Amino acid sequence: MYLLSLIIILSYLAGSIPTGLLISKWFKGIDIREHGSGNIGSTNVFRILGWKLGIVVQVGDLAKGLFAVLVIARLHFGDMPFNNRTPFEDFTVVQILAGVAAVIGHIYPVFLNFKGGKGINTATGMLVGIAPIDISVVVVIFLIVLFTTGYVSLGSITAATAFPTSLFVRSNIFGVEIPGYNTLIFFSIGVSLLLIFAHRSNIKRLLNGQESRFDKVRIFGSKVGNSLKMFL
């Protein structure tokens, strides 16, 4: 029990590392929380510090989730401290617990008075190590929404719902046998709800038409908009 608790704590602490804040201070000498949306995530860094540092932060946040499931989780050995009734192997269960702890750490970091980012990048890193096929679908959907609307938050929210949807469609419509589906689907819904909750302020701004967007990435947004107008 102590070893599993240690893994969860270490994963949480890894997720709590404020990548955006550290990068903004190291490279620009500013506190990213005092600029733009005030968020430490890669979107605000992209907007304030440019795409190069934005990518650095994004990769760093992805790495936190991936590190938790591929490195920290491997500290576990021996039997589980509880009866594993899931169809997953013990190590996979440990990976899930470590990954979720990292995501929670990113959203509620102990180092920043529990005020962190939205968790999308860290969750993506976690899921790359657990469900690479479904997360690939999610990334494609995120990019389509981003390039269509220019709203990173809308792409993130859509991506959060796309993960359990992808699992459901692959299993129930296409008949793909997904190991541990009955457990994984509930886990994915839980992660999605957590990410959507973290975006609650973005959802409010989207509904009020006050959300900031990246017009430069709207590769085919205007064409889609013109097409929609023909039907309205």
Foldseek 3Di string as FASTA:
>chain_A
DVLLVVLLVVLLQLLQPLLQQVLCCVPPNDGLLVDDPNASALVSCCVPVNDVSSVVRLVSLLVSLLCSLPPSLVSDDDDDPDDDPFLDDPSLVSLLSSNVSSLQSQCQPPVVNGHHHLSQSSNLSSCCNRPVVLSVVLVVQLLVCCLQPQANLVSSLSSLVSSLVVLCCCCPPVNDDDRRSVPVSVSSPVSSVSSVVSCVVVVVCVVVVNGDGDPVSNNCNVVVVVVVVVVD
